[in-house]
C-alpha cells in the first residue's frame, strides 16, 4: 500500500509539460481543481477527462504510474461512493431493508468518485513534472506580492516544498521498517482490523526517529551551505516566461471558460 504513494515524487523526462514554467503548472493545477466543481453533467466531466488525458500524454508520465497513486485512496473513494449511494434521497431503484439506492444517489456517487480520481491525478501531474527547486521558486515567485506586507514568502515556499518531498522519503523509510519487522516474523495481514492496527504501533517509534534524523541531516546540510533564508539570495536560473508558457496560459483560460460555459448553460436550462 505505502509503495503506491506517488505524491511528491518526480518523474524525470524531457516533455513539454516538464519544460513549462512552474508558475504555469501551479496555476494550471489550481484552475483544474476549481473547474472540477463546475460541471454537473456528463459533458463537463468528459471535457475534464479529455483535458487531463491530453496533459498526461504530453507529460510522457506512464498512465499506470498515475493510476497506482489512487490505490492508497481506495477506502476513501469506496466510502464516498457508498455513503452517497445509500443516503441520497430520490427515485428508488432498489431497496435492501432500510437502505434505499436511488437514481440521484447513483449519479452523485459516480460524479464524486470521478471527481476525486481526476483531482488526484491532476495534482500528481504537477509533482511528477516539477522538481523541488522549481516548485519552491514557482511558489515564491507566484506569492511575491505578499512580501509587501512583510510575509516570509520564501520560507513558506521552502517549507511547503520540503514537506511535499518528505512524503516519498518517509514512505520509503516506512517500507524498510515494515520489511524488517516482517523478517522477524510479524504478519501485518493476519488478524482483524484492531489486531492489524496494534501491530502498526511498534512501527511508529522508529518512523518518528527516522523522520527526526532526516530532518536534522537536512538542517545540517542547509547550514553547511550557508543557508539563512530568502533575504538577499540570488538564483542561478531565475524564472522567466517563454512563448510556450504564454500559450499554456491561453489554453488553460480557454479550458476554464469552456467549463464555466457548460456549467452556466446547464443551470439556465434547468
Protein backbone atom coordinates (compact mmCIF):
# COMPACT_ATOMS: atom_id res chain seq x y z
CA UNK A 1 0.00 0.00 0.00
CA UNK A 2 2.66 2.51 1.06
CA UNK A 3 4.71 1.78 -2.05
CA UNK A 4 1.86 3.26 -4.08
CA UNK A 5 2.11 6.74 -2.55
CA UNK A 6 3.08 8.92 -5.52
CA UNK A 7 2.55 12.38 -4.06
CA UNK A 8 5.82 14.29 -4.00
CA UNK A 9 7.64 12.01 -6.47
CA UNK A 10 9.40 13.41 -9.55
CA UNK A 11 9.48 11.54 -12.86
CA UNK A 12 12.46 12.63 -14.95
CA UNK A 13 11.55 13.06 -18.60
CA UNK A 14 12.01 15.57 -21.41
CA UNK A 15 8.49 16.70 -22.28
CA UNK A 16 6.57 19.90 -22.98
CA UNK A 17 4.98 19.79 -19.53
CA UNK A 18 8.35 19.32 -17.81
CA UNK A 19 9.73 22.39 -19.59
CA UNK A 20 6.85 24.66 -18.62
CA UNK A 21 7.43 27.36 -16.02
CA UNK A 22 6.46 26.04 -12.55
CA UNK A 23 4.13 29.03 -12.11
CA UNK A 24 2.15 27.84 -15.13
CA UNK A 25 1.84 24.35 -13.65
CA UNK A 26 0.79 25.72 -10.25
CA UNK A 27 -1.82 27.95 -11.88
CA UNK A 28 -2.98 25.11 -14.12
CA UNK A 29 -3.34 22.65 -11.25
CA UNK A 30 -5.30 25.17 -9.16
CA UNK A 31 -7.56 26.04 -12.09
CA UNK A 32 -8.16 22.38 -12.95
CA UNK A 33 -9.11 21.54 -9.36
CA UNK A 34 -11.51 24.51 -9.22
CA UNK A 35 -13.15 23.68 -12.55
CA UNK A 36 -13.82 20.13 -11.39
CA UNK A 37 -16.52 21.63 -9.14
CA UNK A 38 -18.22 23.36 -12.10
CA UNK A 39 -19.79 20.57 -14.18
CA UNK A 40 -22.89 18.75 -13.06
CA UNK A 41 -23.36 16.92 -16.36
CA UNK A 42 -21.50 14.22 -18.31
CA UNK A 43 -20.32 16.75 -20.92
CA UNK A 44 -18.32 18.67 -18.32
CA UNK A 45 -16.73 15.51 -16.93
CA UNK A 46 -15.92 14.34 -20.45
CA UNK A 47 -14.16 17.64 -21.16
CA UNK A 48 -12.21 17.37 -17.86
CA UNK A 49 -11.22 13.79 -18.75
CA UNK A 50 -10.11 14.80 -22.26
CA UNK A 51 -8.04 17.71 -20.93
CA UNK A 52 -6.39 15.52 -18.26
CA UNK A 53 -5.64 12.81 -20.84
CA UNK A 54 -4.02 15.39 -23.11
CA UNK A 55 -1.81 16.74 -20.32
CA UNK A 56 -0.76 13.26 -19.15
CA UNK A 57 0.06 12.32 -22.73
CA UNK A 58 2.18 15.44 -23.21
CA UNK A 59 3.96 14.85 -19.89
CA UNK A 60 5.10 11.35 -21.01
CA UNK A 61 4.43 10.03 -17.50
CA UNK A 62 3.15 6.41 -17.70
CA UNK A 63 -0.59 6.16 -17.06
CA UNK A 64 -0.02 3.09 -14.86
CA UNK A 65 2.18 5.16 -12.60
CA UNK A 66 -0.59 7.73 -12.28
CA UNK A 67 -3.24 5.11 -11.51
CA UNK A 68 -1.02 3.46 -8.90
CA UNK A 69 -1.28 6.62 -6.81
CA UNK A 70 -5.03 6.02 -6.42
CA UNK A 71 -4.61 2.75 -4.51
CA UNK A 72 -3.94 4.32 -1.08
CA UNK A 73 -7.18 6.30 -1.52
CA UNK A 74 -9.29 3.27 -2.40
CA UNK A 75 -11.00 3.16 1.03
CA UNK A 76 -11.84 6.87 0.92
CA UNK A 77 -13.23 6.58 -2.61
CA UNK A 78 -15.25 3.49 -1.69
CA UNK A 79 -16.73 5.12 1.44
CA UNK A 80 -17.61 8.26 -0.52
CA UNK A 81 -19.44 6.18 -3.12
CA UNK A 82 -21.31 4.04 -0.57
CA UNK A 83 -22.37 6.98 1.62
CA UNK A 84 -23.80 8.94 -1.30
CA UNK A 85 -25.33 5.85 -2.88
CA UNK A 86 -27.23 4.80 0.23
CA UNK A 87 -28.17 8.11 1.85
CA UNK A 88 -29.27 10.30 -1.05
CA UNK A 89 -33.00 10.82 -1.42
CA UNK A 90 -34.72 10.49 -4.77
CA UNK A 91 -36.24 7.91 -7.10
CA UNK A 92 -35.72 4.48 -5.53
CA UNK A 93 -34.15 1.88 -7.80
CA UNK A 94 -33.56 -0.90 -5.26
CA UNK A 95 -34.08 -1.50 -1.55
CA UNK A 96 -32.14 -3.64 0.93
CA UNK A 97 -34.08 -3.36 4.18
CA UNK A 98 -33.79 0.22 5.47
CA UNK A 99 -31.22 1.10 2.79
CA UNK A 100 -32.56 2.58 -0.44
CA UNK A 101 -30.49 3.04 -3.58
CA UNK A 102 -31.79 5.98 -5.57
CA UNK A 103 -31.19 7.20 -9.08
CA UNK A 104 -29.89 10.53 -7.76
CA UNK A 105 -27.58 8.73 -5.32
CA UNK A 106 -26.16 6.57 -8.10
CA UNK A 107 -25.43 9.62 -10.23
CA UNK A 108 -23.95 11.60 -7.32
CA UNK A 109 -21.72 8.69 -6.27
CA UNK A 110 -20.35 8.26 -9.78
CA UNK A 111 -19.82 12.01 -10.13
CA UNK A 112 -17.92 12.33 -6.83
CA UNK A 113 -15.75 9.26 -7.45
CA UNK A 114 -14.74 10.50 -10.90
CA UNK A 115 -14.04 13.97 -9.50
CA UNK A 116 -11.77 12.59 -6.75
CA UNK A 117 -9.86 10.47 -9.30
CA UNK A 118 -9.38 13.46 -11.61
CA UNK A 119 -8.33 15.67 -8.69
CA UNK A 120 -5.63 13.24 -7.51
CA UNK A 121 -4.31 12.54 -10.99
CA UNK A 122 -4.32 16.20 -11.94
CA UNK A 123 -2.32 17.11 -8.84
CA UNK A 124 0.09 14.24 -9.46
CA UNK A 125 0.97 15.64 -12.89
CA UNK A 126 2.42 18.73 -11.25
CA UNK A 127 4.59 16.84 -8.74
CA UNK A 128 5.71 14.29 -11.35
CA UNK A 129 6.88 17.03 -13.74
CA UNK A 130 8.28 19.61 -11.28
CA UNK A 131 11.44 19.31 -9.18
CA UNK A 132 11.58 20.50 -5.58
CA UNK A 133 13.71 23.50 -6.56
CA UNK A 134 11.35 24.52 -9.37
CA UNK A 135 8.36 24.14 -7.08
CA UNK A 136 9.95 26.33 -4.41
CA UNK A 137 10.91 29.00 -6.93
CA UNK A 138 7.46 28.90 -8.51
CA UNK A 139 5.60 29.30 -5.22
CA UNK A 140 7.94 32.08 -4.09
CA UNK A 141 7.59 33.96 -7.37
CA UNK A 142 3.82 33.50 -7.55
CA UNK A 143 3.32 34.76 -3.98
CA UNK A 144 5.91 37.53 -4.29
CA UNK A 145 3.26 40.23 -3.92
CA UNK A 146 2.79 39.16 -0.28
CA UNK A 147 6.26 40.49 0.54
CA UNK A 148 4.68 43.95 0.57
CA UNK A 149 3.00 43.09 3.87
CA UNK A 150 6.26 41.50 5.15
CA UNK A 151 5.18 37.88 4.95
CA UNK A 152 8.08 35.36 4.75
CA UNK A 153 7.17 34.09 1.28
CA UNK A 154 10.49 32.32 0.65
CA UNK A 155 10.38 30.46 3.96
CA UNK A 156 6.75 29.48 3.32
CA UNK A 157 7.60 28.16 -0.14
CA UNK A 158 10.63 26.26 1.17
CA UNK A 159 8.54 24.72 3.96
CA UNK A 160 5.87 23.51 1.52
CA UNK A 161 8.45 22.08 -0.86
CA UNK A 162 10.31 20.20 1.89
CA UNK A 163 7.06 18.83 3.33
CA UNK A 164 5.97 17.62 -0.11
CA UNK A 165 9.30 15.98 -0.91
CA UNK A 166 9.49 14.32 2.52
CA UNK A 167 6.41 12.22 1.74
CA UNK A 168 8.18 9.69 -0.55
CA UNK A 169 11.26 9.72 1.72
CA UNK A 170 9.22 8.77 4.79
CA UNK A 171 7.24 6.26 2.74
CA UNK A 172 10.47 4.55 1.74
CA UNK A 173 11.62 4.56 5.38
CA UNK A 174 8.29 3.07 6.46
CA UNK A 175 8.62 0.26 3.90
CA UNK A 176 12.10 -0.59 5.20
CA UNK A 177 10.85 -0.75 8.80
CA UNK A 178 7.89 -2.94 7.85
CA UNK A 179 10.11 -5.30 5.85
CA UNK A 180 12.47 -5.57 8.83
CA UNK A 181 9.53 -6.42 11.11
CA UNK A 182 8.22 -9.00 8.62
CA UNK A 183 11.68 -10.61 8.53
CA UNK A 184 11.30 -11.07 12.31
CA UNK A 185 8.04 -12.98 11.81
CA UNK A 186 5.34 -10.30 12.10
CA UNK A 187 2.47 -10.75 9.65
CA UNK A 188 0.66 -7.45 9.09
CA UNK A 189 -2.09 -9.10 7.03
CA UNK A 190 -3.14 -11.53 9.76
CA UNK A 191 -5.96 -10.85 12.24
CA UNK A 192 -8.86 -8.42 12.35
CA UNK A 193 -8.70 -4.65 11.91
CA UNK A 194 -7.85 -3.95 15.57
CA UNK A 195 -5.08 -6.54 15.63
CA UNK A 196 -3.55 -5.13 12.45
CA UNK A 197 -3.68 -1.62 13.90
CA UNK A 198 -2.00 -2.85 17.09
CA UNK A 199 0.84 -4.36 15.04
CA UNK A 200 1.49 -0.98 13.42
CA UNK A 201 2.14 0.73 16.77
CA UNK A 202 5.76 -0.54 17.14
CA UNK A 203 6.47 0.89 13.69
CA UNK A 204 5.62 4.46 14.70
CA UNK A 205 8.53 4.92 17.12
CA UNK A 206 11.34 4.05 14.66
CA UNK A 207 9.50 6.02 11.96
CA UNK A 208 9.46 9.17 14.12
CA UNK A 209 13.13 8.62 14.98
CA UNK A 210 13.98 8.27 11.29
CA UNK A 211 11.97 11.41 10.44
CA UNK A 212 13.80 13.45 13.12
CA UNK A 213 17.15 12.09 11.92
CA UNK A 214 16.36 13.01 8.32
CA UNK A 215 15.24 16.50 9.35
CA UNK A 216 18.40 17.01 11.38
CA UNK A 217 20.59 15.90 8.45
CA UNK A 218 18.72 18.31 6.17
CA UNK A 219 19.17 21.19 8.62
CA UNK A 220 22.92 20.49 8.92
CA UNK A 221 23.26 20.33 5.13
CA UNK A 222 21.46 23.67 4.72
CA UNK A 223 23.62 25.32 7.39
CA UNK A 224 26.79 23.91 5.79
CA UNK A 225 25.76 25.67 2.58
CA UNK A 226 25.27 28.95 4.48
CA UNK A 227 21.50 28.99 4.03
CA UNK A 228 19.92 31.79 6.08
CA UNK A 229 16.53 32.31 4.48
CA UNK A 230 15.48 34.22 1.40
CA UNK A 231 16.77 37.69 2.32
CA UNK A 232 19.38 38.81 -0.21
CA UNK A 233 19.53 35.46 -2.01
CA UNK A 234 20.07 35.27 -5.76
CA UNK A 235 19.20 32.46 -8.16
CA UNK A 236 21.41 30.65 -10.64
CA UNK A 237 18.47 30.14 -13.02
CA UNK A 238 15.84 32.86 -12.42
CA UNK A 239 12.36 32.11 -13.71
CA UNK A 240 11.30 33.79 -16.93
CA UNK A 241 8.31 33.15 -19.14
CA UNK A 242 8.82 31.68 -22.61
CA UNK A 243 6.48 31.60 -25.58
CA UNK A 244 5.25 28.13 -24.64
CA UNK A 245 4.24 29.41 -21.18
CA UNK A 246 2.01 32.14 -22.62
CA UNK A 247 0.46 29.58 -24.95
CA UNK A 248 -0.20 27.29 -21.98
CA UNK A 249 -1.88 30.16 -20.11
CA UNK A 250 -4.13 30.75 -23.11
CA UNK A 251 -5.11 27.07 -23.32
CA UNK A 252 -5.84 26.97 -19.58
CA UNK A 253 -8.04 30.07 -19.72
CA UNK A 254 -9.89 28.70 -22.76
CA UNK A 255 -10.47 25.40 -20.95
CA UNK A 256 -11.73 27.18 -17.81
CA UNK A 257 -14.12 29.39 -19.82
CA UNK A 258 -15.46 26.35 -21.66
CA UNK A 259 -16.11 24.53 -18.38
CA UNK A 260 -17.78 27.62 -16.95
CA UNK A 261 -19.91 27.96 -20.08
CA UNK A 262 -21.08 24.35 -19.81
CA UNK A 263 -21.97 24.86 -16.15
CA UNK A 264 -23.91 28.08 -16.78
CA UNK A 265 -25.70 26.58 -19.78
CA UNK A 266 -26.92 23.66 -17.69
CA UNK A 267 -28.05 25.98 -14.89
CA UNK A 268 -30.07 28.21 -17.23
CA UNK A 269 -31.53 25.17 -18.95
CA UNK A 270 -32.78 23.83 -15.62
